[in-house]
Amino acid sequence: MVNIDNLFKMISEKGITQSKLAENTSISTGNISDWKRGKSMPSAVKLDELATYFGCSVDYLLGRTDKPTPAFNNVGNNNNGNQAIHGNVTVSQPQETDNRDLQLLQMIQQLSPVDYAKVILFIEEMKNKEV
């Protein structure tokens, strides 16, 4: 079950009204109200936009972590060199990559945050698709 309590915690902590949040993002006050009442949930694109707006990770907004800030600030490697972040999503990279993998990774890194989120959703759907 997805829990977006941290989203409303961030709104409260920052002293932002739903109207101000709607004004500063492409999200309507109706959507925000529906999320608060549990009538609907934000899409991946909206979660990414909110995480960017608040400077936190999508995982934090979804209650998957208690740490509001992402482990990385932008695309790059961590100390062990096998993880990178694009937008608010941490991606594990294989230790060895062939040229096809590198080409795909470079293409993905050039996407806008919205298109990146779409690619991630597509990949998740493909992983969950029965063969």
Protein backbone atom coordinates (compact mmCIF):
# COMPACT_ATOMS: atom_id res chain seq x y z
CA MET A 1 0.00 0.00 0.00
CA VAL A 2 1.32 3.41 -0.97
CA ASN A 3 1.40 6.00 1.81
CA ILE A 4 1.77 9.65 0.81
CA ASP A 5 1.60 11.08 4.33
CA ASN A 6 5.12 12.47 3.88
CA LEU A 7 3.86 14.63 1.02
CA PHE A 8 1.41 16.35 3.32
CA LYS A 9 4.05 16.49 6.04
CA MET A 10 6.31 18.42 3.61
CA ILE A 11 3.45 20.75 2.66
CA SER A 12 2.79 21.45 6.33
CA GLU A 13 6.45 21.84 7.31
CA LYS A 14 7.09 24.29 4.47
CA GLY A 15 3.94 26.23 5.35
CA ILE A 16 2.61 25.91 1.81
CA THR A 17 -1.10 26.01 1.10
CA GLN A 18 -2.62 23.69 -1.46
CA SER A 19 -3.38 26.76 -3.57
CA LYS A 20 0.27 27.88 -3.45
CA LEU A 21 1.47 24.39 -4.35
CA ALA A 22 -0.93 24.30 -7.29
CA GLU A 23 0.24 27.76 -8.36
CA ASN A 24 3.91 26.68 -8.29
CA THR A 25 3.38 23.34 -10.06
CA SER A 26 1.21 21.95 -12.82
CA ILE A 27 -0.96 20.18 -10.23
CA SER A 28 -4.53 21.30 -9.59
CA THR A 29 -5.89 21.96 -6.11
CA GLY A 30 -8.57 19.37 -6.91
CA ASN A 31 -5.91 16.69 -7.42
CA ILE A 32 -4.17 17.64 -4.18
CA SER A 33 -7.49 17.53 -2.29
CA ASP A 34 -8.33 14.14 -3.79
CA TRP A 35 -4.93 12.78 -2.71
CA LYS A 36 -5.40 14.11 0.82
CA ARG A 37 -8.83 12.48 1.08
CA GLY A 38 -7.52 9.21 -0.38
CA LYS A 39 -9.79 9.42 -3.44
CA SER A 40 -6.85 9.10 -5.82
CA MET A 41 -3.06 8.88 -5.89
CA PRO A 42 -0.52 11.05 -7.68
CA SER A 43 0.96 9.69 -10.91
CA ALA A 44 4.67 8.99 -11.28
CA VAL A 45 5.05 12.22 -13.24
CA LYS A 46 3.33 14.25 -10.50
CA LEU A 47 5.40 12.53 -7.79
CA ASP A 48 8.58 13.39 -9.68
CA GLU A 49 7.45 17.01 -10.01
CA LEU A 50 6.62 17.20 -6.30
CA ALA A 51 9.93 15.60 -5.29
CA THR A 52 11.78 18.13 -7.43
CA TYR A 53 9.72 20.99 -5.99
CA PHE A 54 10.38 19.93 -2.38
CA GLY A 55 13.98 18.80 -2.99
CA CYS A 56 13.34 15.30 -1.72
CA SER A 57 13.14 11.82 -3.18
CA VAL A 58 10.02 10.16 -4.55
CA ASP A 59 10.75 7.33 -2.11
CA TYR A 60 10.37 9.81 0.76
CA LEU A 61 7.04 11.08 -0.57
CA LEU A 62 5.85 7.47 -0.86
CA GLY A 63 6.94 6.67 2.71
CA ARG A 64 9.60 4.18 1.60
CA THR A 65 12.29 6.05 3.53
CA ASP A 66 12.41 8.44 6.46
CA LYS A 67 15.17 10.52 4.85
CA PRO A 68 13.67 13.43 2.87
CA THR A 69 16.69 14.12 0.66
CA PRO A 70 18.00 11.82 -2.05
CA ALA A 71 21.37 10.12 -1.59
CA PHE A 72 22.73 11.89 -4.69
CA ASN A 73 22.19 15.42 -5.96
CA ASN A 74 22.54 14.68 -9.69
CA VAL A 75 23.60 12.07 -12.20
CA GLY A 76 26.86 10.46 -11.14
CA ASN A 77 28.51 7.58 -9.35
CA ASN A 78 28.69 6.90 -5.65
CA ASN A 79 31.82 5.64 -3.91
CA ASN A 80 31.49 2.07 -5.17
CA GLY A 81 30.67 3.19 -8.70
CA ASN A 82 27.64 1.01 -9.29
CA GLN A 83 24.74 3.39 -8.71
CA ALA A 84 23.60 6.56 -10.42
CA ILE A 85 20.65 8.84 -9.96
CA HIS A 86 18.53 10.51 -12.61
CA GLY A 87 15.90 12.84 -11.29
CA ASN A 88 14.74 11.18 -8.10
CA VAL A 89 15.31 7.54 -9.04
CA THR A 90 18.44 5.63 -8.06
CA VAL A 91 19.49 3.13 -10.70
CA SER A 92 21.90 0.25 -10.06
CA GLN A 93 24.32 -0.27 -12.89
CA PRO A 94 25.90 -3.62 -13.72
CA GLN A 95 29.62 -3.90 -12.95
CA GLU A 96 30.40 -4.57 -16.61
CA THR A 97 28.51 -2.91 -19.42
CA ASP A 98 28.75 -3.53 -23.10
CA ASN A 99 28.42 -0.82 -25.75
CA ARG A 100 24.67 -1.41 -26.16
CA ASP A 101 24.11 -0.86 -22.44
CA LEU A 102 26.21 2.29 -22.46
CA GLN A 103 24.37 3.66 -25.50
CA LEU A 104 21.01 3.00 -23.84
CA LEU A 105 22.16 4.57 -20.58
CA GLN A 106 23.36 7.69 -22.41
CA MET A 107 20.03 8.00 -24.21
CA ILE A 108 18.11 7.64 -20.96
CA GLN A 109 20.26 10.23 -19.20
CA GLN A 110 19.37 12.79 -21.88
CA LEU A 111 15.61 12.47 -21.33
CA SER A 112 13.53 15.08 -19.57
CA PRO A 113 12.31 14.08 -16.09
CA VAL A 114 8.82 13.44 -17.48
CA ASP A 115 10.06 11.21 -20.32
CA TYR A 116 12.43 9.46 -17.90
CA ALA A 117 9.49 8.64 -15.61
CA LYS A 118 7.59 7.26 -18.61
CA VAL A 119 10.52 4.99 -19.52
CA ILE A 120 10.76 3.72 -15.94
CA LEU A 121 7.02 2.95 -15.90
CA PHE A 122 7.31 1.16 -19.25
CA ILE A 123 10.23 -0.94 -18.00
CA GLU A 124 8.31 -1.81 -14.81
CA GLU A 125 5.33 -2.88 -16.92
CA MET A 126 7.58 -5.04 -19.08
CA LYS A 127 9.15 -6.66 -16.01
CA ASN A 128 5.71 -7.47 -14.61
CA LYS A 129 4.34 -8.73 -17.92
CA GLU A 130 3.79 -12.47 -18.00
CA VAL A 131 5.74 -14.28 -20.68
